[in-house]
Amino acid sequence: MDRRTTPARPDLAASHLEGQVEAERFTEPVDRQVGHANVWLRSAPKDDAPVDTELLFGEVFAVLEEKDGWAWGFSRNDGYTGYVPSDALDRDVRMASHRVSALRTYVLSKPDLKSPPVALISLNSRVAAGRREGNYVEVIGTGWVPQFHIAPVSATEPDFVAVAERFYAVPYLWGGKTSVGLDCSALVQLSLEAAGIPAPRDTDLQEAELGGRWRHVAADAPKRRGDLVFWKGHVGIMTDGEQLLHANAWHMAVAIEPLAEAVERIEKTAGPVTSVLRRSR
């Protein structure tokens, strides 16, 4: 069982895992909702524990235990399991009607461009939309956002690569999932999600799951826009037959470079390309 996606410890596990894992007791999760613009999910209940990923505003987090200011549970979005500060979670869960479609947008205190901002929320954050006044829509319980920065949750982007290209030059940040900073697998997950294509959070999980649904392409075969190129611990997106878009620690940013150059450099540390996946139409 992978600890990243298996909400189980020796002393406690989610009820749906009973009979699959060993634990002293099993419990039903209680849904909470991320009320902060974003919150780090950590591998242990400590402020200095390693960051695994980032939860976005409006994301539902299934809580299995709350103790000493920390909530342990898993994201309803991608199943990622870990610890977040309890005070980042709201007890009232509002059904999301819209998602943020801009890279980021300010939530304002009033439907007025001169009003003070109360939060800066990111692409794919979930909001419960209320009233509309002028060009602003109410985020129930929080504030107001420009109507052009949100879209119904059912609306999807036609080209996930175009979504990824909007992140060009964003800083690289391990565990990050926003346009303030993100890593290679977050770039893929966020872009696919905006296009209505679910994907796991981490590179190896993406390669395994998408590899069961997408077509495998030979590493030396001609590439196409939208092909995903995987290495051990890394992934990038082809923007055409030759250029690779990826968030990477070499440039410390989301960069576009010739695939051949990336392959030559990455092979020295991570080995050769492990797979190339092409979405089945």
Protein backbone atom coordinates (compact mmCIF):
# COMPACT_ATOMS: atom_id res chain seq x y z
CA MET A 1 0.00 0.00 0.00
CA ASP A 2 1.35 3.42 -1.01
CA ARG A 3 1.25 5.80 1.96
CA ARG A 4 0.62 8.72 -0.41
CA THR A 5 -2.75 7.36 -1.51
CA THR A 6 -3.61 4.91 1.28
CA PRO A 7 -5.17 6.59 4.35
CA ALA A 8 -3.92 4.00 6.79
CA ARG A 9 -1.57 3.90 9.77
CA PRO A 10 -0.95 1.05 12.23
CA ASP A 11 -3.33 2.70 14.71
CA LEU A 12 -5.98 4.10 12.35
CA ALA A 13 -7.33 3.70 8.84
CA ALA A 14 -10.26 4.82 6.74
CA SER A 15 -13.31 2.58 7.00
CA HIS A 16 -13.31 1.75 3.28
CA LEU A 17 -9.97 -0.02 3.78
CA GLU A 18 -11.27 -2.48 6.38
CA GLY A 19 -10.35 -5.97 5.25
CA GLN A 20 -7.55 -4.61 3.03
CA VAL A 21 -5.12 -3.25 5.62
CA GLU A 22 -4.33 -3.93 9.26
CA ALA A 23 -5.08 -1.19 11.79
CA GLU A 24 -6.16 -0.96 15.41
CA ARG A 25 -9.36 0.79 14.40
CA PHE A 26 -11.21 2.04 11.35
CA THR A 27 -13.22 5.25 11.08
CA GLU A 28 -15.47 7.09 8.67
CA PRO A 29 -13.88 10.28 7.31
CA VAL A 30 -15.51 13.63 7.98
CA ASP A 31 -15.35 16.08 5.10
CA ARG A 32 -13.90 19.54 5.66
CA GLN A 33 -13.11 22.23 3.10
CA VAL A 34 -9.95 24.24 2.53
CA GLY A 35 -10.77 27.80 3.54
CA HIS A 36 -7.33 29.28 2.93
CA ALA A 37 -6.06 30.28 -0.50
CA ASN A 38 -3.80 27.24 -0.35
CA VAL A 39 -2.35 24.97 2.33
CA TRP A 40 0.62 22.60 2.43
CA LEU A 41 -0.05 18.91 2.92
CA ARG A 42 2.81 17.39 4.90
CA SER A 43 4.04 13.88 5.59
CA ALA A 44 3.98 14.41 9.38
CA PRO A 45 2.14 16.73 11.81
CA LYS A 46 4.99 19.22 12.15
CA ASP A 47 5.61 22.64 10.64
CA ASP A 48 9.03 21.52 9.44
CA ALA A 49 7.89 18.16 8.02
CA PRO A 50 8.49 17.59 4.30
CA VAL A 51 5.87 19.01 1.96
CA ASP A 52 4.17 16.44 -0.28
CA THR A 53 1.69 18.64 -2.13
CA GLU A 54 -0.55 21.67 -1.88
CA LEU A 55 -4.31 21.80 -1.40
CA LEU A 56 -6.22 24.60 -3.11
CA PHE A 57 -9.06 26.81 -1.96
CA GLY A 58 -12.38 24.96 -1.89
CA GLU A 59 -10.80 21.51 -2.04
CA VAL A 60 -12.55 18.93 0.12
CA PHE A 61 -10.32 17.15 2.63
CA ALA A 62 -11.61 13.98 4.30
CA VAL A 63 -10.48 14.08 7.93
CA LEU A 64 -9.79 10.87 9.84
CA GLU A 65 -8.19 12.41 12.93
CA GLU A 66 -7.70 15.85 14.48
CA LYS A 67 -5.02 16.16 17.14
CA ASP A 68 -2.78 18.94 18.45
CA GLY A 69 -3.81 21.37 15.74
CA TRP A 70 -3.34 18.97 12.85
CA ALA A 71 -5.83 17.08 10.68
CA TRP A 72 -4.85 13.77 9.13
CA GLY A 73 -6.79 12.56 6.13
CA PHE A 74 -6.91 12.63 2.35
CA SER A 75 -7.91 14.88 -0.53
CA ARG A 76 -11.19 13.99 -2.18
CA ASN A 77 -9.73 15.34 -5.42
CA ASP A 78 -6.79 12.97 -5.90
CA GLY A 79 -6.66 10.84 -2.76
CA TYR A 80 -3.37 12.24 -1.52
CA THR A 81 -2.96 11.47 2.18
CA GLY A 82 -1.20 13.53 4.82
CA TYR A 83 -1.44 16.23 7.45
CA VAL A 84 -2.71 19.80 7.21
CA PRO A 85 -3.25 22.45 9.91
CA SER A 86 -6.76 22.12 11.31
CA ASP A 87 -7.31 25.87 11.19
CA ALA A 88 -6.98 25.82 7.39
CA LEU A 89 -10.14 23.71 7.11
CA ASP A 90 -13.74 24.93 7.31
CA ARG A 91 -16.32 22.67 8.92
CA ASP A 92 -19.06 23.80 6.54
CA VAL A 93 -18.58 22.23 3.12
CA ARG A 94 -20.16 24.22 0.29
CA MET A 95 -20.86 22.47 -2.98
CA ALA A 96 -18.65 24.02 -5.65
CA SER A 97 -20.47 25.41 -8.66
CA HIS A 98 -17.44 26.97 -10.37
CA ARG A 99 -13.70 26.63 -10.61
CA VAL A 100 -11.09 29.32 -11.09
CA SER A 101 -10.22 29.37 -14.79
CA ALA A 102 -7.58 32.12 -14.61
CA LEU A 103 -4.06 31.30 -13.45
CA ARG A 104 -4.91 33.23 -10.29
CA THR A 105 -7.45 35.80 -9.18
CA TYR A 106 -8.03 38.04 -6.20
CA VAL A 107 -11.04 37.56 -4.01
CA LEU A 108 -12.16 41.09 -3.15
CA SER A 109 -14.04 42.16 -0.06
CA LYS A 110 -16.68 43.93 -2.18
CA PRO A 111 -17.81 43.85 -5.84
CA ASP A 112 -15.61 46.82 -6.53
CA LEU A 113 -12.15 46.81 -8.12
CA LYS A 114 -10.93 49.30 -5.49
CA SER A 115 -11.99 47.16 -2.53
CA PRO A 116 -9.30 45.41 -0.44
CA PRO A 117 -8.43 41.85 -1.45
CA VAL A 118 -9.02 39.08 1.06
CA ALA A 119 -7.31 36.20 -0.78
CA LEU A 120 -5.43 35.26 -3.95
CA ILE A 121 -6.74 31.94 -5.26
CA SER A 122 -5.38 29.81 -8.07
CA LEU A 123 -6.35 27.84 -11.16
CA ASN A 124 -8.74 24.95 -10.38
CA SER A 125 -9.65 26.30 -6.96
CA ARG A 126 -13.30 25.51 -6.29
CA VAL A 127 -15.87 28.15 -5.39
CA ALA A 128 -19.55 28.20 -4.49
CA ALA A 129 -20.90 31.09 -6.56
CA GLY A 130 -23.65 33.30 -5.26
CA ARG A 131 -24.98 36.67 -6.38
CA ARG A 132 -23.70 38.62 -9.33
CA GLU A 133 -23.17 42.37 -9.20
CA GLY A 134 -21.82 44.01 -12.33
CA ASN A 135 -18.75 42.09 -13.45
CA TYR A 136 -18.29 40.36 -10.10
CA VAL A 137 -19.59 37.09 -8.67
CA GLU A 138 -19.88 36.34 -4.97
CA VAL A 139 -17.77 33.55 -3.54
CA ILE A 140 -20.15 32.53 -0.78
CA GLY A 141 -18.60 33.09 2.62
CA THR A 142 -15.44 34.76 1.29
CA GLY A 143 -15.81 37.70 -1.08
CA TRP A 144 -16.11 38.58 -4.77
CA VAL A 145 -14.21 37.54 -7.91
CA PRO A 146 -14.30 38.83 -11.51
CA GLN A 147 -16.85 36.83 -13.49
CA PHE A 148 -14.33 36.31 -16.29
CA HIS A 149 -11.95 34.46 -13.93
CA ILE A 150 -14.26 31.56 -13.10
CA ALA A 151 -16.11 28.92 -15.11
CA PRO A 152 -18.72 26.28 -14.26
CA VAL A 153 -17.14 23.10 -12.90
CA SER A 154 -18.60 21.27 -15.90
CA ALA A 155 -16.77 23.53 -18.37
CA THR A 156 -13.46 22.14 -19.63
CA GLU A 157 -10.55 23.56 -21.59
CA PRO A 158 -10.22 22.19 -25.14
CA ASP A 159 -6.40 21.90 -25.06
CA PHE A 160 -4.57 20.96 -21.88
CA VAL A 161 -1.25 21.93 -23.47
CA ALA A 162 -2.48 25.50 -23.91
CA VAL A 163 -3.30 25.53 -20.18
CA ALA A 164 0.20 24.31 -19.35
CA GLU A 165 1.76 26.94 -21.62
CA ARG A 166 0.17 29.65 -19.49
CA PHE A 167 2.50 28.60 -16.67
CA TYR A 168 5.61 29.44 -18.70
CA ALA A 169 8.36 31.00 -16.51
CA VAL A 170 6.53 30.26 -13.24
CA PRO A 171 9.11 29.38 -10.54
CA TYR A 172 9.82 25.75 -9.79
CA LEU A 173 8.67 24.74 -6.31
CA TRP A 174 8.70 21.21 -4.96
CA GLY A 175 5.16 20.28 -3.88
CA GLY A 176 3.66 23.51 -5.25
CA LYS A 177 0.44 23.56 -7.27
CA THR A 178 -0.08 27.24 -8.13
CA SER A 179 1.24 29.85 -10.53
CA VAL A 180 3.34 31.19 -7.66
CA GLY A 181 5.35 27.96 -7.83
CA LEU A 182 4.85 24.33 -8.86
CA ASP A 183 6.67 21.15 -9.80
CA CYS A 184 6.65 18.96 -12.90
CA SER A 185 3.81 16.63 -11.95
CA ALA A 186 1.65 19.48 -10.67
CA LEU A 187 1.94 21.19 -14.06
CA VAL A 188 0.63 18.03 -15.70
CA GLN A 189 -2.10 17.37 -13.13
CA LEU A 190 -3.43 20.94 -13.11
CA SER A 191 -3.46 21.22 -16.90
CA LEU A 192 -5.20 17.90 -17.39
CA GLU A 193 -7.72 18.69 -14.66
CA ALA A 194 -8.65 21.96 -16.36
CA ALA A 195 -9.36 19.92 -19.49
CA GLY A 196 -11.55 17.48 -17.55
CA ILE A 197 -8.95 14.70 -17.48
CA PRO A 198 -8.29 13.30 -13.99
CA ALA A 199 -4.72 12.38 -13.13
CA PRO A 200 -2.83 11.46 -9.94
CA ARG A 201 -0.49 13.92 -8.23
CA ASP A 202 2.98 12.39 -8.55
CA THR A 203 4.99 11.45 -11.62
CA ASP A 204 5.19 7.70 -11.00
CA LEU A 205 1.47 7.52 -10.24
CA GLN A 206 0.67 9.49 -13.40
CA GLU A 207 2.84 7.24 -15.53
CA ALA A 208 1.17 4.12 -14.12
CA GLU A 209 -2.44 5.30 -14.29
CA LEU A 210 -2.32 7.20 -17.58
CA GLY A 211 -0.22 4.39 -19.01
CA GLY A 212 -3.26 2.16 -18.64
CA ARG A 213 -5.51 4.56 -20.58
CA TRP A 214 -3.24 6.33 -23.05
CA ARG A 215 -1.30 5.00 -26.00
CA HIS A 216 2.38 4.14 -25.51
CA VAL A 217 4.72 5.70 -28.06
CA ALA A 218 8.27 4.53 -28.71
CA ALA A 219 10.85 6.87 -27.18
CA ASP A 220 12.51 7.36 -30.57
CA ALA A 221 9.25 7.79 -32.53
CA PRO A 222 8.10 11.21 -33.81
CA LYS A 223 6.39 13.22 -31.08
CA ARG A 224 3.17 15.22 -31.18
CA ARG A 225 1.71 18.11 -29.24
CA GLY A 226 0.28 16.74 -26.01
CA ASP A 227 2.59 13.73 -25.66
CA LEU A 228 3.76 13.22 -22.07
CA VAL A 229 7.42 12.26 -21.71
CA PHE A 230 8.38 10.47 -18.49
CA TRP A 231 11.67 9.85 -16.77
CA LYS A 232 12.19 8.37 -13.32
CA GLY A 233 10.88 11.18 -11.13
CA HIS A 234 10.17 13.65 -13.91
CA VAL A 235 7.61 14.44 -16.61
CA GLY A 236 7.20 16.99 -19.38
CA ILE A 237 4.68 17.95 -22.06
CA MET A 238 5.46 18.18 -25.76
CA THR A 239 4.23 21.46 -27.28
CA ASP A 240 5.01 20.22 -30.79
CA GLY A 241 7.20 17.55 -32.36
CA GLU A 242 10.43 18.88 -30.86
CA GLN A 243 9.83 21.23 -27.89
CA LEU A 244 9.30 20.10 -24.30
CA LEU A 245 7.49 22.17 -21.68
CA HIS A 246 8.30 21.22 -18.10
CA ALA A 247 8.73 22.58 -14.60
CA ASN A 248 12.26 21.61 -13.70
CA ALA A 249 14.99 22.17 -11.14
CA TRP A 250 17.64 22.90 -13.81
CA HIS A 251 15.98 26.14 -14.88
CA MET A 252 14.15 26.45 -11.52
CA ALA A 253 11.14 27.43 -13.60
CA VAL A 254 8.66 26.20 -16.15
CA ALA A 255 10.72 26.20 -19.33
CA ILE A 256 10.45 25.23 -22.99
CA GLU A 257 13.48 23.60 -24.58
CA PRO A 258 14.29 21.10 -27.33
CA LEU A 259 13.43 17.59 -26.18
CA ALA A 260 16.82 16.34 -27.39
CA GLU A 261 18.62 18.75 -25.04
CA ALA A 262 16.42 17.78 -22.09
CA VAL A 263 16.96 14.06 -22.75
CA GLU A 264 20.74 14.48 -22.89
CA ARG A 265 20.86 16.45 -19.63
CA ILE A 266 18.29 14.48 -17.63
CA GLU A 267 19.79 11.14 -18.62
CA LYS A 268 22.89 12.00 -16.58
CA THR A 269 20.94 12.09 -13.32
CA ALA A 270 17.61 10.32 -13.83
CA GLY A 271 18.42 7.88 -16.61
CA PRO A 272 16.70 7.47 -19.97
CA VAL A 273 13.10 8.21 -20.90
CA THR A 274 10.89 5.54 -19.32
CA SER A 275 7.77 6.09 -21.42
CA VAL A 276 6.02 8.45 -23.82
CA LEU A 277 2.23 8.54 -23.53
CA ARG A 278 -0.24 9.90 -26.07
CA ARG A 279 -3.87 10.50 -25.22
CA SER A 280 -6.24 8.17 -27.02
CA ARG A 281 -8.88 10.01 -29.01
